[in-house]
Amino acid sequence: MTEIDATAQAEFPLLGQIWQADYGDLVIEHDYREPGKISFVSKHGTRLTVDLTVTRVRDDVFVLAFQDADASVVAVEDLSTHRVSSTMILRDHTLLHMSGVLSQVEP
């Protein structure tokens, strides 16, 4: 596994795109259009942009890590199966595990 520069299009193919993570009861839009960042809408309706670290595990599988004021998140995105597994640690130390489906919103 190697940490990659999230700006490298060949290494992280979602760069420049918007994808949706559908966890069932929770749907989150991930905006990867800004290199090295991820943007999404918070539970309060505020658009947040935070630093993004991407680690390539193997072809089409990436570990993404980011945090905002409310949570730290680690997600494994398998682009070949369009699956995502995420673990969130909330400010109150609650640990959430979620699995869902990835779909492209905007190329």
PDB file of N, CA and C in Angstrom:
ATOM      1  N   MET A   1       0.841  -1.178   0.000  1.00  0.00           N
ATOM      2  CA  MET A   1       0.000   0.000   0.000  1.00  0.00           C
ATOM      3  C   MET A   1       0.882   1.236   0.000  1.00  0.00           C
ATOM      4  N   THR A   2       0.473   2.192  -0.790  1.00  0.00           N
ATOM      5  CA  THR A   2       1.215   3.440  -0.827  1.00  0.00           C
ATOM      6  C   THR A   2       0.258   4.611  -0.805  1.00  0.00           C
ATOM      7  N   GLU A   3       0.609   5.598   0.003  1.00  0.00           N
ATOM      8  CA  GLU A   3      -0.171   6.828  -0.008  1.00  0.00           C
ATOM      9  C   GLU A   3       0.162   7.539  -1.301  1.00  0.00           C
ATOM     10  N   ILE A   4      -0.859   8.056  -1.956  1.00  0.00           N
ATOM     11  CA  ILE A   4      -0.640   8.722  -3.234  1.00  0.00           C
ATOM     12  C   ILE A   4      -1.053  10.180  -3.138  1.00  0.00           C
ATOM     13  N   ASP A   5      -0.569  10.923  -4.066  1.00  0.00           N
ATOM     14  CA  ASP A   5      -0.993  12.302  -4.213  1.00  0.00           C
ATOM     15  C   ASP A   5      -2.389  12.266  -4.824  1.00  0.00           C
ATOM     16  N   ALA A   6      -3.377  12.743  -4.084  1.00  0.00           N
ATOM     17  CA  ALA A   6      -4.758  12.686  -4.560  1.00  0.00           C
ATOM     18  C   ALA A   6      -4.979  13.525  -5.810  1.00  0.00           C
ATOM     19  N   THR A   7      -3.982  14.276  -6.225  1.00  0.00           N
ATOM     20  CA  THR A   7      -4.124  15.073  -7.442  1.00  0.00           C
ATOM     21  C   THR A   7      -3.792  14.261  -8.687  1.00  0.00           C
ATOM     22  N   ALA A   8      -3.268  13.066  -8.523  1.00  0.00           N
ATOM     23  CA  ALA A   8      -2.856  12.263  -9.677  1.00  0.00           C
ATOM     24  C   ALA A   8      -4.059  11.522 -10.257  1.00  0.00           C
ATOM     25  N   GLN A   9      -4.573  12.008 -11.371  1.00  0.00           N
ATOM     26  CA  GLN A   9      -5.765  11.437 -11.996  1.00  0.00           C
ATOM     27  C   GLN A   9      -5.611   9.946 -12.254  1.00  0.00           C
ATOM     28  N   ALA A  10      -4.450   9.526 -12.722  1.00  0.00           N
ATOM     29  CA  ALA A  10      -4.249   8.112 -13.033  1.00  0.00           C
ATOM     30  C   ALA A  10      -4.295   7.258 -11.772  1.00  0.00           C
ATOM     31  N   GLU A  11      -3.883   7.821 -10.644  1.00  0.00           N
ATOM     32  CA  GLU A  11      -3.867   7.064  -9.393  1.00  0.00           C
ATOM     33  C   GLU A  11      -5.218   7.061  -8.683  1.00  0.00           C
ATOM     34  N   PHE A  12      -5.939   8.168  -8.735  1.00  0.00           N
ATOM     35  CA  PHE A  12      -7.254   8.245  -8.094  1.00  0.00           C
ATOM     36  C   PHE A  12      -8.265   8.692  -9.139  1.00  0.00           C
ATOM     37  N   PRO A  13      -8.917   7.742  -9.784  1.00  0.00           N
ATOM     38  CA  PRO A  13      -9.761   8.060 -10.936  1.00  0.00           C
ATOM     39  C   PRO A  13     -11.013   8.881 -10.638  1.00  0.00           C
ATOM     40  N   LEU A  14     -11.368   9.084  -9.385  1.00  0.00           N
ATOM     41  CA  LEU A  14     -12.557   9.878  -9.082  1.00  0.00           C
ATOM     42  C   LEU A  14     -12.274  11.376  -9.062  1.00  0.00           C
ATOM     43  N   LEU A  15     -11.006  11.746  -9.139  1.00  0.00           N
ATOM     44  CA  LEU A  15     -10.633  13.154  -9.144  1.00  0.00           C
ATOM     45  C   LEU A  15     -11.369  13.884 -10.265  1.00  0.00           C
ATOM     46  N   GLY A  16     -11.964  15.022  -9.921  1.00  0.00           N
ATOM     47  CA  GLY A  16     -12.681  15.822 -10.900  1.00  0.00           C
ATOM     48  C   GLY A  16     -14.142  15.435 -11.048  1.00  0.00           C
ATOM     49  N   GLN A  17     -14.615  14.502 -10.221  1.00  0.00           N
ATOM     50  CA  GLN A  17     -15.978  13.990 -10.352  1.00  0.00           C
ATOM     51  C   GLN A  17     -16.751  14.125  -9.040  1.00  0.00           C
ATOM     52  N   ILE A  18     -18.073  13.932  -9.141  1.00  0.00           N
ATOM     53  CA  ILE A  18     -18.938  13.871  -7.962  1.00  0.00           C
ATOM     54  C   ILE A  18     -19.565  12.484  -7.924  1.00  0.00           C
ATOM     55  N   TRP A  19     -19.458  11.839  -6.763  1.00  0.00           N
ATOM     56  CA  TRP A  19     -20.014  10.504  -6.565  1.00  0.00           C
ATOM     57  C   TRP A  19     -20.942  10.527  -5.356  1.00  0.00           C
ATOM     58  N   GLN A  20     -21.842   9.570  -5.318  1.00  0.00           N
ATOM     59  CA  GLN A  20     -22.780   9.441  -4.218  1.00  0.00           C
ATOM     60  C   GLN A  20     -22.519   8.133  -3.486  1.00  0.00           C
ATOM     61  N   ALA A  21     -22.488   8.195  -2.164  1.00  0.00           N
ATOM     62  CA  ALA A  21     -22.389   6.998  -1.324  1.00  0.00           C
ATOM     63  C   ALA A  21     -23.760   6.784  -0.696  1.00  0.00           C
ATOM     64  N   ASP A  22     -24.412   5.689  -1.070  1.00  0.00           N
ATOM     65  CA  ASP A  22     -25.751   5.375  -0.566  1.00  0.00           C
ATOM     66  C   ASP A  22     -25.627   4.283   0.483  1.00  0.00           C
ATOM     67  N   TYR A  23     -25.814   4.673   1.740  1.00  0.00           N
ATOM     68  CA  TYR A  23     -25.715   3.741   2.863  1.00  0.00           C
ATOM     69  C   TYR A  23     -27.092   3.236   3.298  1.00  0.00           C
ATOM     70  N   GLY A  24     -28.108   3.443   2.488  1.00  0.00           N
ATOM     71  CA  GLY A  24     -29.466   3.033   2.859  1.00  0.00           C
ATOM     72  C   GLY A  24     -30.219   4.212   3.439  1.00  0.00           C
ATOM     73  N   ASP A  25     -30.158   4.374   4.761  1.00  0.00           N
ATOM     74  CA  ASP A  25     -30.840   5.487   5.425  1.00  0.00           C
ATOM     75  C   ASP A  25     -30.103   6.808   5.263  1.00  0.00           C
ATOM     76  N   LEU A  26     -28.868   6.743   4.823  1.00  0.00           N
ATOM     77  CA  LEU A  26     -28.031   7.937   4.678  1.00  0.00           C
ATOM     78  C   LEU A  26     -27.400   7.945   3.292  1.00  0.00           C
ATOM     79  N   VAL A  27     -27.580   9.049   2.574  1.00  0.00           N
ATOM     80  CA  VAL A  27     -26.973   9.221   1.253  1.00  0.00           C
ATOM     81  C   VAL A  27     -26.103  10.473   1.309  1.00  0.00           C
ATOM     82  N   ILE A  28     -24.828  10.317   0.933  1.00  0.00           N
ATOM     83  CA  ILE A  28     -23.882  11.431   1.000  1.00  0.00           C
ATOM     84  C   ILE A  28     -23.246  11.625  -0.365  1.00  0.00           C
ATOM     85  N   GLU A  29     -23.241  12.867  -0.829  1.00  0.00           N
ATOM     86  CA  GLU A  29     -22.589  13.200  -2.090  1.00  0.00           C
ATOM     87  C   GLU A  29     -21.147  13.596  -1.804  1.00  0.00           C
ATOM     88  N   HIS A  30     -20.212  12.937  -2.477  1.00  0.00           N
ATOM     89  CA  HIS A  30     -18.780  13.229  -2.329  1.00  0.00           C
ATOM     90  C   HIS A  30     -18.301  13.962  -3.576  1.00  0.00           C
ATOM     91  N   ASP A  31     -17.793  15.153  -3.390  1.00  0.00           N
ATOM     92  CA  ASP A  31     -17.319  15.986  -4.491  1.00  0.00           C
ATOM     93  C   ASP A  31     -15.789  15.945  -4.489  1.00  0.00           C
ATOM     94  N   TYR A  32     -15.221  15.313  -5.525  1.00  0.00           N
ATOM     95  CA  TYR A  32     -13.768  15.157  -5.648  1.00  0.00           C
ATOM     96  C   TYR A  32     -13.178  16.109  -6.687  1.00  0.00           C
ATOM     97  N   ARG A  33     -13.881  17.204  -6.999  1.00  0.00           N
ATOM     98  CA  ARG A  33     -13.414  18.082  -8.075  1.00  0.00           C
ATOM     99  C   ARG A  33     -12.188  18.897  -7.706  1.00  0.00           C
ATOM    100  N   GLU A  34     -11.936  19.113  -6.433  1.00  0.00           N
ATOM    101  CA  GLU A  34     -10.760  19.889  -6.025  1.00  0.00           C
ATOM    102  C   GLU A  34      -9.660  18.928  -5.581  1.00  0.00           C
ATOM    103  N   PRO A  35      -8.514  18.948  -6.250  1.00  0.00           N
ATOM    104  CA  PRO A  35      -7.424  18.029  -5.904  1.00  0.00           C
ATOM    105  C   PRO A  35      -7.030  18.115  -4.426  1.00  0.00           C
ATOM    106  N   GLY A  36      -6.892  16.944  -3.782  1.00  0.00           N
ATOM    107  CA  GLY A  36      -6.479  16.886  -2.388  1.00  0.00           C
ATOM    108  C   GLY A  36      -7.562  17.243  -1.390  1.00  0.00           C
ATOM    109  N   LYS A  37      -8.803  17.397  -1.868  1.00  0.00           N
ATOM    110  CA  LYS A  37      -9.926  17.787  -1.009  1.00  0.00           C
ATOM    111  C   LYS A  37     -11.126  16.891  -1.289  1.00  0.00           C
ATOM    112  N   ILE A  38     -12.040  16.846  -0.321  1.00  0.00           N
ATOM    113  CA  ILE A  38     -13.352  16.246  -0.522  1.00  0.00           C
ATOM    114  C   ILE A  38     -14.367  17.242   0.018  1.00  0.00           C
ATOM    115  N   SER A  39     -15.454  17.427  -0.713  1.00  0.00           N
ATOM    116  CA  SER A  39     -16.533  18.310  -0.272  1.00  0.00           C
ATOM    117  C   SER A  39     -17.801  17.484  -0.134  1.00  0.00           C
ATOM    118  N   PHE A  40     -18.603  17.830   0.854  1.00  0.00           N
ATOM    119  CA  PHE A  40     -19.878  17.160   1.068  1.00  0.00           C
ATOM    120  C   PHE A  40     -20.764  18.096   1.869  1.00  0.00           C
ATOM    121  N   VAL A  41     -22.044  17.758   1.963  1.00  0.00           N
ATOM    122  CA  VAL A  41     -22.981  18.574   2.723  1.00  0.00           C
ATOM    123  C   VAL A  41     -23.158  17.931   4.091  1.00  0.00           C
ATOM    124  N   SER A  42     -22.980  18.720   5.143  1.00  0.00           N
ATOM    125  CA  SER A  42     -23.092  18.209   6.510  1.00  0.00           C
ATOM    126  C   SER A  42     -24.549  17.946   6.867  1.00  0.00           C
ATOM    127  N   LYS A  43     -24.750  17.308   8.020  1.00  0.00           N
ATOM    128  CA  LYS A  43     -26.109  17.034   8.494  1.00  0.00           C
ATOM    129  C   LYS A  43     -26.877  18.322   8.766  1.00  0.00           C
ATOM    130  N   HIS A  44     -26.171  19.450   8.910  1.00  0.00           N
ATOM    131  CA  HIS A  44     -26.802  20.745   9.144  1.00  0.00           C
ATOM    132  C   HIS A  44     -27.081  21.484   7.836  1.00  0.00           C
ATOM    133  N   GLY A  45     -26.753  20.861   6.704  1.00  0.00           N
ATOM    134  CA  GLY A  45     -26.995  21.472   5.411  1.00  0.00           C
ATOM    135  C   GLY A  45     -25.880  22.379   4.927  1.00  0.00           C
ATOM    136  N   THR A  46     -24.781  22.416   5.651  1.00  0.00           N
ATOM    137  CA  THR A  46     -23.644  23.253   5.286  1.00  0.00           C
ATOM    138  C   THR A  46     -22.678  22.469   4.410  1.00  0.00           C
ATOM    139  N   ARG A  47     -22.212  23.097   3.343  1.00  0.00           N
ATOM    140  CA  ARG A  47     -21.228  22.449   2.477  1.00  0.00           C
ATOM    141  C   ARG A  47     -19.855  22.562   3.133  1.00  0.00           C
ATOM    142  N   LEU A  48     -19.191  21.431   3.303  1.00  0.00           N
ATOM    143  CA  LEU A  48     -17.872  21.382   3.919  1.00  0.00           C
ATOM    144  C   LEU A  48     -16.849  20.902   2.908  1.00  0.00           C
ATOM    145  N   THR A  49     -15.669  21.487   2.950  1.00  0.00           N
ATOM    146  CA  THR A  49     -14.539  21.022   2.150  1.00  0.00           C
ATOM    147  C   THR A  49     -13.389  20.790   3.112  1.00  0.00           C
ATOM    148  N   VAL A  50     -12.850  19.568   3.092  1.00  0.00           N
ATOM    149  CA  VAL A  50     -11.773  19.204   4.016  1.00  0.00           C
ATOM    150  C   VAL A  50     -10.652  18.516   3.248  1.00  0.00           C
ATOM    151  N   ASP A  51      -9.483  18.452   3.885  1.00  0.00           N
ATOM    152  CA  ASP A  51      -8.346  17.758   3.282  1.00  0.00           C
ATOM    153  C   ASP A  51      -8.640  16.271   3.166  1.00  0.00           C
ATOM    154  N   LEU A  52      -8.160  15.675   2.088  1.00  0.00           N
ATOM    155  CA  LEU A  52      -8.391  14.262   1.800  1.00  0.00           C
ATOM    156  C   LEU A  52      -7.055  13.562   1.600  1.00  0.00           C
ATOM    157  N   THR A  53      -6.885  12.435   2.291  1.00  0.00           N
ATOM    158  CA  THR A  53      -5.724  11.576   2.078  1.00  0.00           C
ATOM    159  C   THR A  53      -6.215  10.309   1.396  1.00  0.00           C
ATOM    160  N   VAL A  54      -5.557   9.925   0.317  1.00  0.00           N
ATOM    161  CA  VAL A  54      -5.943   8.734  -0.442  1.00  0.00           C
ATOM    162  C   VAL A  54      -4.775   7.765  -0.452  1.00  0.00           C
ATOM    163  N   THR A  55      -5.066   6.501  -0.146  1.00  0.00           N
ATOM    164  CA  THR A  55      -4.064   5.445  -0.209  1.00  0.00           C
ATOM    165  C   THR A  55      -4.568   4.363  -1.150  1.00  0.00           C
ATOM    166  N   ARG A  56      -3.788   4.057  -2.159  1.00  0.00           N
ATOM    167  CA  ARG A  56      -4.144   2.993  -3.103  1.00  0.00           C
ATOM    168  C   ARG A  56      -3.765   1.665  -2.466  1.00  0.00           C
ATOM    169  N   VAL A  57      -4.741   0.754  -2.353  1.00  0.00           N
ATOM    170  CA  VAL A  57      -4.506  -0.572  -1.786  1.00  0.00           C
ATOM    171  C   VAL A  57      -4.124  -1.544  -2.893  1.00  0.00           C
ATOM    172  N   ARG A  58      -4.872  -1.498  -3.978  1.00  0.00           N
ATOM    173  CA  ARG A  58      -4.617  -2.298  -5.179  1.00  0.00           C
ATOM    174  C   ARG A  58      -5.439  -1.674  -6.294  1.00  0.00           C
ATOM    175  N   ASP A  59      -5.412  -2.272  -7.468  1.00  0.00           N
ATOM    176  CA  ASP A  59      -6.189  -1.727  -8.579  1.00  0.00           C
ATOM    177  C   ASP A  59      -7.640  -1.504  -8.155  1.00  0.00           C
ATOM    178  N   ASP A  60      -8.122  -0.301  -8.343  1.00  0.00           N
ATOM    179  CA  ASP A  60      -9.514   0.086  -8.092  1.00  0.00           C
ATOM    180  C   ASP A  60      -9.952   0.053  -6.633  1.00  0.00           C
ATOM    181  N   VAL A  61      -9.039  -0.113  -5.686  1.00  0.00           N
ATOM    182  CA  VAL A  61      -9.399  -0.081  -4.261  1.00  0.00           C
ATOM    183  C   VAL A  61      -8.560   0.989  -3.565  1.00  0.00           C
ATOM    184  N   PHE A  62      -9.258   1.916  -2.903  1.00  0.00           N
ATOM    185  CA  PHE A  62      -8.609   3.052  -2.261  1.00  0.00           C
ATOM    186  C   PHE A  62      -9.127   3.232  -0.839  1.00  0.00           C
ATOM    187  N   VAL A  63      -8.234   3.626   0.057  1.00  0.00           N
ATOM    188  CA  VAL A  63      -8.616   4.023   1.410  1.00  0.00           C
ATOM    189  C   VAL A  63      -8.574   5.544   1.449  1.00  0.00           C
ATOM    190  N   LEU A  64      -9.675   6.148   1.849  1.00  0.00           N
ATOM    191  CA  LEU A  64      -9.780   7.599   1.955  1.00  0.00           C
ATOM    192  C   LEU A  64      -9.898   7.968   3.425  1.00  0.00           C
ATOM    193  N   ALA A  65      -9.203   9.003   3.841  1.00  0.00           N
ATOM    194  CA  ALA A  65      -9.278   9.469   5.224  1.00  0.00           C
ATOM    195  C   ALA A  65      -9.450  10.978   5.230  1.00  0.00           C
ATOM    196  N   PHE A  66     -10.379  11.442   6.067  1.00  0.00           N
ATOM    197  CA  PHE A  66     -10.604  12.872   6.210  1.00  0.00           C
ATOM    198  C   PHE A  66     -11.297  13.129   7.536  1.00  0.00           C
ATOM    199  N   GLN A  67     -11.282  14.379   7.961  1.00  0.00           N
ATOM    200  CA  GLN A  67     -11.993  14.727   9.185  1.00  0.00           C
ATOM    201  C   GLN A  67     -12.510  16.149   9.104  1.00  0.00           C
ATOM    202  N   ASP A  68     -13.601  16.370   9.847  1.00  0.00           N
ATOM    203  CA  ASP A  68     -14.139  17.710  10.004  1.00  0.00           C
ATOM    204  C   ASP A  68     -14.326  17.941  11.501  1.00  0.00           C
ATOM    205  N   ALA A  69     -15.029  18.976  11.879  1.00  0.00           N
ATOM    206  CA  ALA A  69     -15.189  19.292  13.297  1.00  0.00           C
ATOM    207  C   ALA A  69     -16.019  18.252  14.046  1.00  0.00           C
ATOM    208  N   ASP A  70     -16.852  17.499  13.331  1.00  0.00           N
ATOM    209  CA  ASP A  70     -17.754  16.549  13.975  1.00  0.00           C
ATOM    210  C   ASP A  70     -17.282  15.104  13.956  1.00  0.00           C
ATOM    211  N   ALA A  71     -16.392  14.741  13.021  1.00  0.00           N
ATOM    212  CA  ALA A  71     -16.046  13.325  12.882  1.00  0.00           C
ATOM    213  C   ALA A  71     -14.740  13.131  12.133  1.00  0.00           C
ATOM    214  N   SER A  72     -14.150  11.965  12.362  1.00  0.00           N
ATOM    215  CA  SER A  72     -13.030  11.476  11.551  1.00  0.00           C
ATOM    216  C   SER A  72     -13.560  10.283  10.772  1.00  0.00           C
ATOM    217  N   VAL A  73     -13.195  10.187   9.504  1.00  0.00           N
ATOM    218  CA  VAL A  73     -13.751   9.151   8.638  1.00  0.00           C
ATOM    219  C   VAL A  73     -12.641   8.429   7.899  1.00  0.00           C
ATOM    220  N   VAL A  74     -12.771   7.106   7.840  1.00  0.00           N
ATOM    221  CA  VAL A  74     -11.932   6.281   6.988  1.00  0.00           C
ATOM    222  C   VAL A  74     -12.880   5.451   6.135  1.00  0.00           C
ATOM    223  N   ALA A  75     -12.706   5.507   4.826  1.00  0.00           N
ATOM    224  CA  ALA A  75     -13.578   4.776   3.910  1.00  0.00           C
ATOM    225  C   ALA A  75     -12.736   3.957   2.948  1.00  0.00           C
ATOM    226  N   VAL A  76     -13.182   2.741   2.688  1.00  0.00           N
ATOM    227  CA  VAL A  76     -12.570   1.897   1.668  1.00  0.00           C
ATOM    228  C   VAL A  76     -13.527   1.897   0.487  1.00  0.00           C
ATOM    229  N   GLU A  77     -13.047   2.405  -0.649  1.00  0.00           N
ATOM    230  CA  GLU A  77     -13.872   2.475  -1.852  1.00  0.00           C
ATOM    231  C   GLU A  77     -13.334   1.489  -2.875  1.00  0.00           C
ATOM    232  N   ASP A  78     -14.178   0.540  -3.259  1.00  0.00           N
ATOM    233  CA  ASP A  78     -13.837  -0.450  -4.280  1.00  0.00           C
ATOM    234  C   ASP A  78     -14.547  -0.028  -5.560  1.00  0.00           C
ATOM    235  N   LEU A  79     -13.803   0.557  -6.466  1.00  0.00           N
ATOM    236  CA  LEU A  79     -14.398   1.107  -7.683  1.00  0.00           C
ATOM    237  C   LEU A  79     -14.832   0.025  -8.659  1.00  0.00           C
ATOM    238  N   SER A  80     -14.264  -1.174  -8.555  1.00  0.00           N
ATOM    239  CA  SER A  80     -14.652  -2.253  -9.468  1.00  0.00           C
ATOM    240  C   SER A  80     -16.013  -2.836  -9.102  1.00  0.00           C
ATOM    241  N   THR A  81     -16.371  -2.804  -7.814  1.00  0.00           N
ATOM    242  CA  THR A  81     -17.669  -3.334  -7.374  1.00  0.00           C
ATOM    243  C   THR A  81     -18.649  -2.226  -6.991  1.00  0.00           C
ATOM    244  N   HIS A  82     -18.173  -0.977  -6.997  1.00  0.00           N
ATOM    245  CA  HIS A  82     -18.980   0.191  -6.610  1.00  0.00           C
ATOM    246  C   HIS A  82     -19.486   0.064  -5.177  1.00  0.00           C
ATOM    247  N   ARG A  83     -18.660  -0.468  -4.286  1.00  0.00           N
ATOM    248  CA  ARG A  83     -18.999  -0.613  -2.873  1.00  0.00           C
ATOM    249  C   ARG A  83     -18.116   0.307  -2.028  1.00  0.00           C
ATOM    250  N   VAL A  84     -18.666   0.764  -0.919  1.00  0.00           N
ATOM    251  CA  VAL A  84     -17.916   1.585   0.031  1.00  0.00           C
ATOM    252  C   VAL A  84     -18.197   1.074   1.443  1.00  0.00           C
ATOM    253  N   SER A  85     -17.154   0.986   2.242  1.00  0.00           N
ATOM    254  CA  SER A  85     -17.276   0.656   3.666  1.00  0.00           C
ATOM    255  C   SER A  85     -16.602   1.779   4.431  1.00  0.00           C
ATOM    256  N   SER A  86     -17.351   2.394   5.335  1.00  0.00           N
ATOM    257  CA  SER A  86     -16.845   3.564   6.056  1.00  0.00           C
ATOM    258  C   SER A  86     -16.928   3.357   7.558  1.00  0.00           C
ATOM    259  N   THR A  87     -15.947   3.901   8.246  1.00  0.00           N
ATOM    260  CA  THR A  87     -15.959   3.950   9.701  1.00  0.00           C
ATOM    261  C   THR A  87     -15.815   5.408  10.100  1.00  0.00           C
ATOM    262  N   MET A  88     -16.745   5.865  10.932  1.00  0.00           N
ATOM    263  CA  MET A  88     -16.734   7.246  11.422  1.00  0.00           C
ATOM    264  C   MET A  88     -16.554   7.225  12.932  1.00  0.00           C
ATOM    265  N   ILE A  89     -15.689   8.084  13.415  1.00  0.00           N
ATOM    266  CA  ILE A  89     -15.550   8.293  14.853  1.00  0.00           C
ATOM    267  C   ILE A  89     -16.067   9.702  15.123  1.00  0.00           C
ATOM    268  N   LEU A  90     -17.179   9.780  15.829  1.00  0.00           N
ATOM    269  CA  LEU A  90     -17.805  11.063  16.106  1.00  0.00           C
ATOM    270  C   LEU A  90     -17.120  11.766  17.275  1.00  0.00           C
ATOM    271  N   ARG A  91     -17.401  13.035  17.412  1.00  0.00           N
ATOM    272  CA  ARG A  91     -16.780  13.851  18.458  1.00  0.00           C
ATOM    273  C   ARG A  91     -16.992  13.263  19.856  1.00  0.00           C
ATOM    274  N   ASP A  92     -18.160  12.619  20.083  1.00  0.00           N
ATOM    275  CA  ASP A  92     -18.437  12.021  21.393  1.00  0.00           C
ATOM    276  C   ASP A  92     -17.860  10.610  21.516  1.00  0.00           C
ATOM    277  N   HIS A  93     -17.008  10.224  20.551  1.00  0.00           N
ATOM    278  CA  HIS A  93     -16.317   8.931  20.506  1.00  0.00           C
ATOM    279  C   HIS A  93     -17.217   7.772  20.081  1.00  0.00           C
ATOM    280  N   THR A  94     -18.423   8.057  19.606  1.00  0.00           N
ATOM    281  CA  THR A  94     -19.274   7.021  19.045  1.00  0.00           C
ATOM    282  C   THR A  94     -18.623   6.513  17.766  1.00  0.00           C
ATOM    283  N   LEU A  95     -18.627   5.201  17.597  1.00  0.00           N
ATOM    284  CA  LEU A  95     -18.027   4.570  16.426  1.00  0.00           C
ATOM    285  C   LEU A  95     -19.143   4.050  15.531  1.00  0.00           C
ATOM    286  N   LEU A  96     -19.170   4.479  14.271  1.00  0.00           N
ATOM    287  CA  LEU A  96     -20.188   4.047  13.315  1.00  0.00           C
ATOM    288  C   LEU A  96     -19.529   3.304  12.162  1.00  0.00           C
ATOM    289  N   HIS A  97     -20.104   2.166  11.795  1.00  0.00           N
ATOM    290  CA  HIS A  97     -19.655   1.408  10.627  1.00  0.00           C
ATOM    291  C   HIS A  97     -20.802   1.390   9.628  1.00  0.00           C
ATOM    292  N   MET A  98     -20.503   1.710   8.374  1.00  0.00           N
ATOM    293  CA  MET A  98     -21.535   1.747   7.343  1.00  0.00           C
ATOM    294  C   MET A  98     -20.992   1.125   6.065  1.00  0.00           C
ATOM    295  N   SER A  99     -21.867   0.439   5.341  1.00  0.00           N
ATOM    296  CA  SER A  99     -21.516  -0.099   4.026  1.00  0.00           C
ATOM    297  C   SER A  99     -22.569   0.361   3.043  1.00  0.00           C
ATOM    298  N   GLY A 100     -22.127   0.649   1.825  1.00  0.00           N
ATOM    299  CA  GLY A 100     -23.082   1.136   0.853  1.00  0.00           C
ATOM    300  C   GLY A 100     -22.608   0.975  -0.572  1.00  0.00           C
ATOM    301  N   VAL A 101     -23.325   1.651  -1.450  1.00  0.00           N
ATOM    302  CA  VAL A 101     -23.101   1.571  -2.891  1.00  0.00           C
ATOM    303  C   VAL A 101     -22.653   2.931  -3.408  1.00  0.00           C
ATOM    304  N   LEU A 102     -21.647   2.924  -4.275  1.00  0.00           N
ATOM    305  CA  LEU A 102     -21.154   4.143  -4.916  1.00  0.00           C
ATOM    306  C   LEU A 102     -21.765   4.283  -6.302  1.00  0.00           C
ATOM    307  N   SER A 103     -22.175   5.489  -6.640  1.00  0.00           N
ATOM    308  CA  SER A 103     -22.639   5.752  -8.003  1.00  0.00           C
ATOM    309  C   SER A 103     -22.188   7.152  -8.404  1.00  0.00           C
ATOM    310  N   GLN A 104     -21.911   7.304  -9.678  1.00  0.00           N
ATOM    311  CA  GLN A 104     -21.426   8.584 -10.184  1.00  0.00           C
ATOM    312  C   GLN A 104     -22.587   9.544 -10.375  1.00  0.00           C
ATOM    313  N   VAL A 105     -22.421  10.775  -9.884  1.00  0.00           N
ATOM    314  CA  VAL A 105     -23.427  11.818 -10.037  1.00  0.00           C
ATOM    315  C   VAL A 105     -23.074  12.696 -11.229  1.00  0.00           C
ATOM    316  N   GLU A 106     -21.806  13.166 -11.265  1.00  0.00           N
ATOM    317  CA  GLU A 106     -21.327  14.009 -12.368  1.00  0.00           C
ATOM    318  C   GLU A 106     -19.938  13.559 -12.776  1.00  0.00           C
ATOM    319  N   PRO A 107     -19.726  13.426 -14.091  1.00  0.00           N
ATOM    320  CA  PRO A 107     -18.367  13.069 -14.554  1.00  0.00           C
ATOM    321  C   PRO A 107     -17.409  14.234 -14.414  1.00  0.00           C
TER     322      PRO A 107
END
